[in-house]
C-alpha atoms as a PDB file:
ATOM      1  CA  PHE A   1       0.000   0.000   0.000  1.00  0.00           C
ATOM      2  CA  VAL A   2       0.992   3.636  -0.423  1.00  0.00           C
ATOM      3  CA  SER A   3       1.555   5.263   2.944  1.00  0.00           C
ATOM      4  CA  HIS A   4       0.141   8.717   3.632  1.00  0.00           C
ATOM      5  CA  GLN A   5       1.667  11.810   5.171  1.00  0.00           C
ATOM      6  CA  VAL A   6      -0.495  13.876   7.490  1.00  0.00           C
ATOM      7  CA  GLU A   7       0.217  17.496   8.248  1.00  0.00           C
ATOM      8  CA  ILE A   8      -1.729  18.965  11.186  1.00  0.00           C
ATOM      9  CA  LEU A   9      -2.056  22.756  11.376  1.00  0.00           C
ATOM     10  CA  ASP A  10      -3.503  25.055  14.008  1.00  0.00           C
ATOM     11  CA  TRP A  11      -6.983  26.035  12.751  1.00  0.00           C
ATOM     12  CA  LYS A  12      -6.472  29.715  13.618  1.00  0.00           C
ATOM     13  CA  THR A  13      -2.823  30.533  12.944  1.00  0.00           C
ATOM     14  CA  LYS A  14      -2.274  27.854  10.224  1.00  0.00           C
ATOM     15  CA  LYS A  15       1.014  27.093  11.969  1.00  0.00           C
ATOM     16  CA  GLN A  16       2.208  23.493  11.566  1.00  0.00           C
ATOM     17  CA  LEU A  17       1.860  21.550  14.808  1.00  0.00           C
ATOM     18  CA  CYS A  18       3.115  18.187  13.602  1.00  0.00           C
ATOM     19  CA  PHE A  19       3.899  16.114  10.529  1.00  0.00           C
ATOM     20  CA  LEU A  20       3.013  12.425  10.652  1.00  0.00           C
ATOM     21  CA  ASP A  21       4.955  10.282   8.189  1.00  0.00           C
ATOM     22  CA  LYS A  22       4.093   6.775   6.923  1.00  0.00           C
ATOM     23  CA  VAL A  23       0.488   6.766   8.090  1.00  0.00           C
ATOM     24  CA  GLU A  24      -1.472   3.748   6.878  1.00  0.00           C
ATOM     25  CA  PRO A  25      -4.247   4.642   4.389  1.00  0.00           C
ATOM     26  CA  ASN A  26      -6.834   2.717   6.465  1.00  0.00           C
ATOM     27  CA  ALA A  27      -5.960   4.671   9.635  1.00  0.00           C
ATOM     28  CA  THR A  28      -9.005   6.178  11.347  1.00  0.00           C
ATOM     29  CA  ILE A  29      -9.300   9.720  12.662  1.00  0.00           C
ATOM     30  CA  ARG A  30      -9.278   8.204  16.157  1.00  0.00           C
ATOM     31  CA  GLU A  31      -5.842   6.673  15.462  1.00  0.00           C
ATOM     32  CA  ILE A  32      -4.583  10.021  14.126  1.00  0.00           C
ATOM     33  CA  ARG A  33      -5.858  11.699  17.310  1.00  0.00           C
ATOM     34  CA  LEU A  34      -3.860   9.176  19.364  1.00  0.00           C
ATOM     35  CA  MET A  35      -0.699   9.866  17.317  1.00  0.00           C
ATOM     36  CA  PHE A  36      -1.218  13.591  17.879  1.00  0.00           C
ATOM     37  CA  HIS A  37      -1.781  12.973  21.603  1.00  0.00           C
ATOM     38  CA  LYS A  38       1.624  11.231  21.865  1.00  0.00           C
ATOM     39  CA  LEU A  39       3.299  14.388  20.574  1.00  0.00           C
ATOM     40  CA  TYR A  40       1.119  16.737  22.651  1.00  0.00           C
ATOM     41  CA  PRO A  41       0.087  14.857  25.843  1.00  0.00           C
ATOM     42  CA  ARG A  42      -2.006  17.755  27.202  1.00  0.00           C
ATOM     43  CA  TRP A  43      -4.354  17.521  24.218  1.00  0.00           C
ATOM     44  CA  TYR A  44      -5.998  14.164  24.890  1.00  0.00           C
ATOM     45  CA  PRO A  45      -8.233  12.757  22.085  1.00  0.00           C
ATOM     46  CA  ALA A  46     -11.554  13.989  23.531  1.00  0.00           C
ATOM     47  CA  ARG A  47     -10.141  17.516  23.618  1.00  0.00           C
ATOM     48  CA  GLN A  48      -9.180  17.489  19.923  1.00  0.00           C
ATOM     49  CA  SER A  49     -11.310  18.681  17.040  1.00  0.00           C
ATOM     50  CA  ILE A  50      -9.735  17.501  13.769  1.00  0.00           C
ATOM     51  CA  LYS A  51     -11.122  19.089  10.579  1.00  0.00           C
ATOM     52  CA  LEU A  52     -10.558  19.092   6.827  1.00  0.00           C
ATOM     53  CA  ASP A  53     -11.288  22.810   6.731  1.00  0.00           C
ATOM     54  CA  PRO A  54     -10.593  25.374   9.493  1.00  0.00           C
ATOM     55  CA  LYS A  55     -14.253  26.414   9.547  1.00  0.00           C
ATOM     56  CA  GLY A  56     -15.696  22.994   8.741  1.00  0.00           C
ATOM     57  CA  LYS A  57     -17.176  20.245  10.907  1.00  0.00           C
ATOM     58  CA  SER A  58     -15.096  17.974  13.124  1.00  0.00           C
ATOM     59  CA  LEU A  59     -14.271  14.633  11.575  1.00  0.00           C
ATOM     60  CA  ARG A  60     -15.766  11.590  13.302  1.00  0.00           C
ATOM     61  CA  ASP A  61     -13.514   9.042  15.024  1.00  0.00           C
ATOM     62  CA  GLU A  62     -14.509   6.219  12.692  1.00  0.00           C
ATOM     63  CA  GLU A  63     -13.771   8.075   9.433  1.00  0.00           C
ATOM     64  CA  ILE A  64     -10.923   6.511   7.445  1.00  0.00           C
ATOM     65  CA  LEU A  65      -8.082   8.575   5.991  1.00  0.00           C
ATOM     66  CA  GLN A  66      -8.128   7.116   2.474  1.00  0.00           C
ATOM     67  CA  HIS A  67     -11.905   7.744   2.194  1.00  0.00           C
ATOM     68  CA  LEU A  68     -11.468  11.456   2.831  1.00  0.00           C
ATOM     69  CA  PRO A  69     -11.084  13.919  -0.082  1.00  0.00           C
ATOM     70  CA  VAL A  70      -7.302  14.180   0.414  1.00  0.00           C
ATOM     71  CA  GLY A  71      -4.237  12.998  -1.491  1.00  0.00           C
ATOM     72  CA  THR A  72      -1.302  11.015  -0.140  1.00  0.00           C
ATOM     73  CA  THR A  73      -0.322  14.173   1.728  1.00  0.00           C
ATOM     74  CA  ALA A  74      -3.261  15.237   3.854  1.00  0.00           C
ATOM     75  CA  THR A  75      -3.619  18.596   5.562  1.00  0.00           C
ATOM     76  CA  LEU A  76      -5.814  18.547   8.656  1.00  0.00           C
ATOM     77  CA  TYR A  77      -6.654  21.331  11.089  1.00  0.00           C
ATOM     78  CA  PHE A  78      -6.637  21.065  14.877  1.00  0.00           C
ATOM     79  CA  LYS A  79      -8.820  23.000  17.311  1.00  0.00           C
ATOM     80  CA  ASP A  80      -8.508  22.713  21.085  1.00  0.00           C
ATOM     81  CA  LEU A  81     -11.967  22.058  22.563  1.00  0.00           C
ATOM     82  CA  GLY A  82     -10.777  22.777  26.104  1.00  0.00           C
ATOM     83  CA  PRO A  83     -11.044  20.500  29.175  1.00  0.00           C
ATOM     84  CA  GLN A  84     -13.707  17.823  28.704  1.00  0.00           C
ATOM     85  CA  ILE A  85     -15.951  15.810  31.028  1.00  0.00           C
ATOM     86  CA  GLY A  86     -17.681  12.490  30.251  1.00  0.00           C
ATOM     87  CA  TRP A  87     -21.433  12.576  29.580  1.00  0.00           C
ATOM     88  CA  THR A  88     -22.146   9.888  32.176  1.00  0.00           C
ATOM     89  CA  THR A  89     -20.450  12.017  34.837  1.00  0.00           C
ATOM     90  CA  VAL A  90     -22.290  15.120  33.568  1.00  0.00           C
ATOM     91  CA  PHE A  91     -25.708  13.479  33.910  1.00  0.00           C
ATOM     92  CA  LEU A  92     -24.931  11.973  37.315  1.00  0.00           C
ATOM     93  CA  ILE A  93     -23.968  15.425  38.639  1.00  0.00           C
ATOM     94  CA  GLU A  94     -26.925  17.195  36.986  1.00  0.00           C
ATOM     95  CA  TYR A  95     -29.539  14.717  38.230  1.00  0.00           C
ATOM     96  CA  THR A  96     -28.230  13.973  41.728  1.00  0.00           C
ATOM     97  CA  GLY A  97     -28.440  17.671  42.674  1.00  0.00           C
ATOM     98  CA  PRO A  98     -32.224  18.129  42.183  1.00  0.00           C
ATOM     99  CA  LEU A  99     -32.902  14.908  44.076  1.00  0.00           C
ATOM    100  CA  PHE A 100     -31.218  16.101  47.284  1.00  0.00           C
ATOM    101  CA  ILE A 101     -32.062  19.809  46.912  1.00  0.00           C
ATOM    102  CA  TYR A 102     -35.779  18.943  46.804  1.00  0.00           C
ATOM    103  CA  PHE A 103     -35.463  17.026  50.092  1.00  0.00           C
ATOM    104  CA  LEU A 104     -34.079  20.127  51.861  1.00  0.00           C
ATOM    105  CA  PHE A 105     -37.421  21.845  51.246  1.00  0.00           C
ATOM    106  CA  TYR A 106     -39.613  18.766  51.657  1.00  0.00           C
ATOM    107  CA  PHE A 107     -38.236  18.017  55.131  1.00  0.00           C
ATOM    108  CA  ARG A 108     -38.613  21.700  56.044  1.00  0.00           C
ATOM    109  CA  MET A 109     -35.036  22.281  57.168  1.00  0.00           C
ATOM    110  CA  PRO A 110     -35.009  25.098  59.791  1.00  0.00           C
ATOM    111  CA  PHE A 111     -32.910  27.433  57.635  1.00  0.00           C
ATOM    112  CA  VAL A 112     -35.449  27.249  54.788  1.00  0.00           C
ATOM    113  CA  TYR A 113     -38.807  28.296  56.247  1.00  0.00           C
ATOM    114  CA  GLY A 114     -37.997  29.069  59.895  1.00  0.00           C
ATOM    115  CA  LEU A 115     -38.649  27.266  63.175  1.00  0.00           C
ATOM    116  CA  ASP A 116     -42.359  27.994  63.659  1.00  0.00           C
ATOM    117  CA  GLU A 117     -44.289  24.812  64.591  1.00  0.00           C
ATOM    118  CA  ARG A 118     -46.731  25.187  61.716  1.00  0.00           C
ATOM    119  CA  PHE A 119     -43.748  25.014  59.308  1.00  0.00           C
ATOM    120  CA  THR A 120     -42.753  21.489  60.297  1.00  0.00           C
ATOM    121  CA  SER A 121     -45.293  19.483  58.291  1.00  0.00           C
ATOM    122  CA  SER A 122     -47.741  19.935  55.437  1.00  0.00           C
ATOM    123  CA  PRO A 123     -51.479  19.242  55.807  1.00  0.00           C
ATOM    124  CA  HIS A 124     -51.818  18.421  52.091  1.00  0.00           C
ATOM    125  CA  PRO A 125     -51.189  14.803  50.887  1.00  0.00           C
ATOM    126  CA  VAL A 126     -50.399  16.125  47.383  1.00  0.00           C
ATOM    127  CA  VAL A 127     -47.157  17.578  48.787  1.00  0.00           C
ATOM    128  CA  ASN A 128     -45.997  14.065  49.725  1.00  0.00           C
ATOM    129  CA  LEU A 129     -47.110  12.749  46.334  1.00  0.00           C
ATOM    130  CA  ALA A 130     -45.201  15.532  44.527  1.00  0.00           C
ATOM    131  CA  CYS A 131     -42.027  14.607  46.420  1.00  0.00           C
ATOM    132  CA  ILE A 132     -42.440  10.935  45.457  1.00  0.00           C
ATOM    133  CA  CYS A 133     -42.981  11.825  41.775  1.00  0.00           C
ATOM    134  CA  HIS A 134     -40.100  14.328  41.635  1.00  0.00           C
ATOM    135  CA  SER A 135     -37.741  11.822  43.305  1.00  0.00           C
ATOM    136  CA  PHE A 136     -38.928   9.012  41.025  1.00  0.00           C
ATOM    137  CA  HIS A 137     -38.232  11.161  37.945  1.00  0.00           C
ATOM    138  CA  TYR A 138     -34.623  11.875  38.865  1.00  0.00           C
ATOM    139  CA  ILE A 139     -33.899   8.367  40.209  1.00  0.00           C
ATOM    140  CA  LYS A 140     -35.160   7.048  36.860  1.00  0.00           C
ATOM    141  CA  ARG A 141     -32.837   9.463  35.045  1.00  0.00           C
ATOM    142  CA  LEU A 142     -29.866   8.289  37.123  1.00  0.00           C
ATOM    143  CA  ILE A 143     -30.668   4.618  36.421  1.00  0.00           C
ATOM    144  CA  GLU A 144     -30.961   5.368  32.680  1.00  0.00           C
ATOM    145  CA  THR A 145     -27.620   7.199  32.735  1.00  0.00           C
ATOM    146  CA  VAL A 146     -25.825   4.205  34.222  1.00  0.00           C
ATOM    147  CA  PHE A 147     -27.637   1.299  32.555  1.00  0.00           C
ATOM    148  CA  VAL A 148     -29.445   2.512  29.400  1.00  0.00           C
ATOM    149  CA  HIS A 149     -27.916   5.518  27.638  1.00  0.00           C
ATOM    150  CA  ARG A 150     -25.263   5.074  24.951  1.00  0.00           C
ATOM    151  CA  PHE A 151     -23.595   8.343  24.011  1.00  0.00           C
ATOM    152  CA  SER A 152     -22.518   9.123  20.440  1.00  0.00           C
ATOM    153  CA  HIS A 153     -20.252  11.869  21.816  1.00  0.00           C
ATOM    154  CA  GLY A 154     -18.196  10.781  24.803  1.00  0.00           C
ATOM    155  CA  THR A 155     -17.620  14.174  26.393  1.00  0.00           C
ATOM    156  CA  MET A 156     -18.725  17.794  26.634  1.00  0.00           C
ATOM    157  CA  PRO A 157     -16.731  20.939  27.564  1.00  0.00           C
ATOM    158  CA  LEU A 158     -16.132  21.114  31.322  1.00  0.00           C
ATOM    159  CA  ARG A 159     -17.214  24.788  31.413  1.00  0.00           C
ATOM    160  CA  ASN A 160     -20.785  23.780  30.458  1.00  0.00           C
ATOM    161  CA  ILE A 161     -21.312  21.774  33.659  1.00  0.00           C
ATOM    162  CA  VAL A 162     -21.709  24.950  35.737  1.00  0.00           C
ATOM    163  CA  LYS A 163     -24.404  26.322  33.398  1.00  0.00           C
ATOM    164  CA  ASN A 164     -26.238  22.983  33.285  1.00  0.00           C
ATOM    165  CA  CYS A 165     -26.159  22.552  37.067  1.00  0.00           C
ATOM    166  CA  LEU A 166     -27.424  26.092  37.629  1.00  0.00           C
ATOM    167  CA  TYR A 167     -30.391  25.259  35.403  1.00  0.00           C
ATOM    168  CA  TYR A 168     -31.324  21.890  36.931  1.00  0.00           C
ATOM    169  CA  TRP A 169     -30.378  22.620  40.540  1.00  0.00           C
ATOM    170  CA  GLY A 170     -31.753  26.172  40.519  1.00  0.00           C
ATOM    171  CA  PHE A 171     -35.138  25.148  39.142  1.00  0.00           C
ATOM    172  CA  ALA A 172     -35.349  22.197  41.571  1.00  0.00           C
ATOM    173  CA  ALA A 173     -34.878  24.630  44.481  1.00  0.00           C
ATOM    174  CA  TRP A 174     -37.437  27.084  43.064  1.00  0.00           C
ATOM    175  CA  LEU A 175     -40.090  24.404  42.511  1.00  0.00           C
ATOM    176  CA  ALA A 176     -39.462  22.753  45.860  1.00  0.00           C
ATOM    177  CA  TYR A 177     -39.646  26.053  47.756  1.00  0.00           C
ATOM    178  CA  TYR A 178     -43.192  26.764  46.551  1.00  0.00           C
ATOM    179  CA  ILE A 179     -44.575  23.207  46.547  1.00  0.00           C
ATOM    180  CA  ASN A 180     -43.404  22.576  50.125  1.00  0.00           C
ATOM    181  CA  HIS A 181     -44.174  26.067  51.427  1.00  0.00           C
ATOM    182  CA  PRO A 182     -46.443  26.211  54.521  1.00  0.00           C
ATOM    183  CA  LEU A 183     -48.831  28.500  52.600  1.00  0.00           C
ATOM    184  CA  TYR A 184     -49.073  26.172  49.596  1.00  0.00           C
ATOM    185  CA  THR A 185     -52.641  25.622  48.397  1.00  0.00           C
ATOM    186  CA  PRO A 186     -53.635  22.260  46.841  1.00  0.00           C
ATOM    187  CA  PRO A 187     -55.110  21.859  43.305  1.00  0.00           C
ATOM    188  CA  SER A 188     -58.523  23.481  42.714  1.00  0.00           C
ATOM    189  CA  TYR A 189     -60.283  20.287  41.601  1.00  0.00           C
ATOM    190  CA  GLY A 190     -58.925  18.106  44.393  1.00  0.00           C
ATOM    191  CA  LYS A 191     -58.462  14.358  43.991  1.00  0.00           C
ATOM    192  CA  LYS A 192     -59.822  14.184  40.432  1.00  0.00           C
ATOM    193  CA  GLN A 193     -57.190  16.641  39.215  1.00  0.00           C
ATOM    194  CA  ILE A 194     -54.421  14.928  41.188  1.00  0.00           C
ATOM    195  CA  ASN A 195     -55.369  11.417  40.015  1.00  0.00           C
ATOM    196  CA  PHE A 196     -55.540  12.519  36.373  1.00  0.00           C
ATOM    197  CA  ALA A 197     -52.120  14.192  36.713  1.00  0.00           C
ATOM    198  CA  VAL A 198     -50.512  11.152  38.360  1.00  0.00           C
ATOM    199  CA  ILE A 199     -51.768   8.836  35.585  1.00  0.00           C
ATOM    200  CA  MET A 200     -50.442  11.240  32.938  1.00  0.00           C
ATOM    201  CA  PHE A 201     -47.120  11.556  34.782  1.00  0.00           C
ATOM    202  CA  LEU A 202     -46.609   7.790  35.086  1.00  0.00           C
ATOM    203  CA  LEU A 203     -47.639   7.031  31.491  1.00  0.00           C
ATOM    204  CA  CYS A 204     -45.214   9.650  30.168  1.00  0.00           C
ATOM    205  CA  GLU A 205     -42.413   8.356  32.405  1.00  0.00           C
ATOM    206  CA  ALA A 206     -43.019   4.831  31.073  1.00  0.00           C
ATOM    207  CA  GLY A 207     -43.045   6.189  27.515  1.00  0.00           C
ATOM    208  CA  ASN A 208     -39.845   8.149  28.009  1.00  0.00           C
ATOM    209  CA  PHE A 209     -38.088   5.084  29.438  1.00  0.00           C
ATOM    210  CA  SER A 210     -39.351   2.891  26.564  1.00  0.00           C
ATOM    211  CA  ILE A 211     -37.976   5.325  23.966  1.00  0.00           C
ATOM    212  CA  HIS A 212     -34.581   5.490  25.687  1.00  0.00           C
ATOM    213  CA  VAL A 213     -34.377   1.686  25.680  1.00  0.00           C
ATOM    214  CA  ALA A 214     -35.356   1.572  21.975  1.00  0.00           C
ATOM    215  CA  LEU A 215     -32.694   4.184  21.101  1.00  0.00           C
ATOM    216  CA  SER A 216     -30.115   2.316  23.171  1.00  0.00           C
ATOM    217  CA  ASP A 217     -30.870  -0.917  21.290  1.00  0.00           C
ATOM    218  CA  LEU A 218     -29.877   0.851  18.045  1.00  0.00           C
ATOM    219  CA  ARG A 219     -26.328   1.160  19.395  1.00  0.00           C
ATOM    220  CA  ARG A 220     -25.728  -2.358  20.652  1.00  0.00           C
ATOM    221  CA  ASN A 221     -22.142  -3.663  20.723  1.00  0.00           C
ATOM    222  CA  GLY A 222     -20.794  -0.111  20.916  1.00  0.00           C
ATOM    223  CA  SER A 223     -21.800   0.776  17.350  1.00  0.00           C
ATOM    224  CA  LYS A 224     -21.798   4.490  16.535  1.00  0.00           C
ATOM    225  CA  THR A 225     -23.504   4.095  13.157  1.00  0.00           C
ATOM    226  CA  ARG A 226     -26.618   6.251  12.893  1.00  0.00           C
ATOM    227  CA  LYS A 227     -29.856   4.397  12.185  1.00  0.00           C
ATOM    228  CA  ILE A 228     -33.468   5.444  11.761  1.00  0.00           C
ATOM    229  CA  PRO A 229     -35.394   4.577  14.956  1.00  0.00           C
ATOM    230  CA  TYR A 230     -38.622   2.681  14.312  1.00  0.00           C
ATOM    231  CA  PRO A 231     -41.521   1.579  16.563  1.00  0.00           C
ATOM    232  CA  THR A 232     -41.136  -1.801  18.284  1.00  0.00           C
ATOM    233  CA  LYS A 233     -43.745  -4.143  19.776  1.00  0.00           C
ATOM    234  CA  ASN A 234     -43.852  -1.880  22.838  1.00  0.00           C
ATOM    235  CA  PRO A 235     -46.937   0.402  22.359  1.00  0.00           C
ATOM    236  CA  PHE A 236     -45.109   3.342  23.948  1.00  0.00           C
ATOM    237  CA  THR A 237     -42.683   3.359  21.014  1.00  0.00           C
ATOM    238  CA  TRP A 238     -45.512   3.735  18.480  1.00  0.00           C
ATOM    239  CA  LEU A 239     -45.117   7.499  18.837  1.00  0.00           C
ATOM    240  CA  PHE A 240     -42.148   7.007  16.460  1.00  0.00           C
ATOM    241  CA  PHE A 241     -44.782   6.796  13.696  1.00  0.00           C
ATOM    242  CA  PHE A 242     -45.476  10.492  14.185  1.00  0.00           C
ATOM    243  CA  VAL A 243     -42.445  12.223  15.732  1.00  0.00           C
ATOM    244  CA  SER A 244     -38.669  12.021  15.456  1.00  0.00           C
ATOM    245  CA  CYS A 245     -37.987  12.590  19.175  1.00  0.00           C
ATOM    246  CA  PRO A 246     -40.769  10.946  21.224  1.00  0.00           C
ATOM    247  CA  ASN A 247     -38.478  10.909  24.264  1.00  0.00           C
ATOM    248  CA  TYR A 248     -38.808  14.714  24.350  1.00  0.00           C
ATOM    249  CA  THR A 249     -42.565  14.495  23.752  1.00  0.00           C
ATOM    250  CA  TYR A 250     -42.926  12.177  26.753  1.00  0.00           C
ATOM    251  CA  GLU A 251     -40.558  14.317  28.847  1.00  0.00           C
ATOM    252  CA  VAL A 252     -42.684  17.426  28.255  1.00  0.00           C
ATOM    253  CA  GLY A 253     -45.799  15.345  29.023  1.00  0.00           C
ATOM    254  CA  THR A 254     -44.246  14.284  32.324  1.00  0.00           C
ATOM    255  CA  TRP A 255     -43.743  17.897  33.391  1.00  0.00           C
ATOM    256  CA  ILE A 256     -47.237  18.908  32.197  1.00  0.00           C
ATOM    257  CA  GLY A 257     -48.570  16.140  34.460  1.00  0.00           C
ATOM    258  CA  PHE A 258     -46.457  17.431  37.350  1.00  0.00           C
ATOM    259  CA  THR A 259     -47.729  20.977  36.697  1.00  0.00           C
ATOM    260  CA  ILE A 260     -51.367  19.824  36.805  1.00  0.00           C
ATOM    261  CA  MET A 261     -50.680  17.787  39.942  1.00  0.00           C
ATOM    262  CA  THR A 262     -49.104  20.648  41.898  1.00  0.00           C
ATOM    263  CA  GLN A 263     -50.958  23.568  40.263  1.00  0.00           C
ATOM    264  CA  CYS A 264     -47.844  25.648  40.875  1.00  0.00           C
ATOM    265  CA  VAL A 265     -46.764  28.586  38.657  1.00  0.00           C
ATOM    266  CA  PRO A 266     -42.966  27.950  38.914  1.00  0.00           C
ATOM    267  CA  VAL A 267     -43.538  24.345  37.766  1.00  0.00           C
ATOM    268  CA  GLY A 268     -45.522  25.645  34.796  1.00  0.00           C
ATOM    269  CA  LEU A 269     -42.733  28.071  33.849  1.00  0.00           C
ATOM    270  CA  PHE A 270     -40.159  25.274  34.132  1.00  0.00           C
ATOM    271  CA  THR A 271     -42.348  23.083  31.891  1.00  0.00           C
ATOM    272  CA  LEU A 272     -42.591  25.881  29.313  1.00  0.00           C
ATOM    273  CA  LEU A 273     -38.801  26.344  29.272  1.00  0.00           C
ATOM    274  CA  CYS A 274     -38.342  22.562  28.963  1.00  0.00           C
ATOM    275  CA  PHE A 275     -40.711  22.536  25.996  1.00  0.00           C
ATOM    276  CA  ILE A 276     -38.889  25.402  24.247  1.00  0.00           C
ATOM    277  CA  GLN A 277     -35.456  23.826  24.783  1.00  0.00           C
ATOM    278  CA  MET A 278     -36.579  20.327  23.759  1.00  0.00           C
ATOM    279  CA  THR A 279     -38.307  21.698  20.652  1.00  0.00           C
ATOM    280  CA  ILE A 280     -34.979  23.254  19.589  1.00  0.00           C
ATOM    281  CA  TRP A 281     -33.160  19.951  20.190  1.00  0.00           C
ATOM    282  CA  ALA A 282     -35.901  17.963  18.418  1.00  0.00           C
ATOM    283  CA  LYS A 283     -35.831  20.228  15.358  1.00  0.00           C
ATOM    284  CA  ASP A 284     -32.044  19.891  15.121  1.00  0.00           C
ATOM    285  CA  LYS A 285     -32.255  16.111  15.377  1.00  0.00           C
ATOM    286  CA  HIS A 286     -35.134  15.960  12.877  1.00  0.00           C
ATOM    287  CA  CYS A 287     -33.104  18.005  10.352  1.00  0.00           C
ATOM    288  CA  THR A 288     -30.120  15.686  10.876  1.00  0.00           C
ATOM    289  CA  TYR A 289     -32.299  12.634  10.159  1.00  0.00           C
ATOM    290  CA  LEU A 290     -33.699  14.247   6.987  1.00  0.00           C
ATOM    291  CA  ARG A 291     -30.198  15.170   5.818  1.00  0.00           C
ATOM    292  CA  GLU A 292     -28.667  11.742   6.491  1.00  0.00           C
ATOM    293  CA  PHE A 293     -31.518   9.441   5.400  1.00  0.00           C
ATOM    294  CA  LYS A 294     -33.203   9.882   2.020  1.00  0.00           C
ATOM    295  CA  ASP A 295     -35.907   7.349   2.977  1.00  0.00           C
ATOM    296  CA  TYR A 296     -36.749   9.025   6.301  1.00  0.00           C
ATOM    297  CA  PRO A 297     -40.510   8.713   7.098  1.00  0.00           C
ATOM    298  CA  SER A 298     -42.248  11.813   5.728  1.00  0.00           C
ATOM    299  CA  LEU A 299     -45.109  11.753   8.248  1.00  0.00           C
ATOM    300  CA  ARG A 300     -42.876  12.486  11.215  1.00  0.00           C
ATOM    301  CA  MET A 301     -42.648  15.897  12.897  1.00  0.00           C
ATOM    302  CA  PRO A 302     -39.901  16.864  15.377  1.00  0.00           C
ATOM    303  CA  ILE A 303     -41.825  16.744  18.700  1.00  0.00           C
ATOM    304  CA  ILE A 304     -45.639  17.187  18.371  1.00  0.00           C
ATOM    305  CA  PRO A 305     -47.536  14.877  15.961  1.00  0.00           C
ATOM    306  CA  PHE A 306     -48.850  16.702  12.852  1.00  0.00           C
ATOM    307  CA  LEU A 307     -47.966  20.151  14.285  1.00  0.00           C
ATOM    308  CA  LEU A 308     -44.368  20.831  15.297  1.00  0.00           C
END
């Protein structure tokens, strides 16, 4: 075979960082990252963005050198992505916080509401139910992080963890403060409203979990190849007939159920923000599917069947 030469330049200054000689034509970008890492130990593979063009997209780990539009001497561009943190660690940190922060308010810690006797317990059963549902939601997320999720990207920039934690932890504190407040008033329509909300909450949680399992099954044996997700025998996955990201649809449904259950304005605002953010993510993912798969089902919408 004809060996390749790989020149790696800084994406901004165009200064040569290294020149790799006698690189096998079937070498992957991951292997090139490892070669680069040996020369520059502080830039570990997850921190490297390797591109064909300074302003282009990062090349994927599994892409093969000889399949790229380059000659026997390839010029690649390096961008430092900064310190990285694994997605599993990210999710564990993000989801553990709300779980314990909520308990601080639920158990009426003295520094939260004061020491008055009437502040020590709530007369409304829905407050206990809300704590169970909130805890269940985040425990489920933690279990999925460890046992279900398979991540196409192994890491994210470390600086983002602060922003993400402020969002999840901050909202958990805000919701918990009002739901567990001594002056909290229960839902207007009593048990009927609460029962309806609990059923909706649990169905959406089951649906969300089912979709995550179905998506995980697409990446068995560590495969990173993108595939079109299709409904399975599980009825909860049948939402794939109509939307590209049913996990987000179910997630929003979960928080709508929690909003109805607690009849609390901060929960409603959190649900609205969740919906806006997940709609953005769903649209991006939907566009990616349409771009990558010519035979992608035309009936599907990003997040809401037939609408959005």
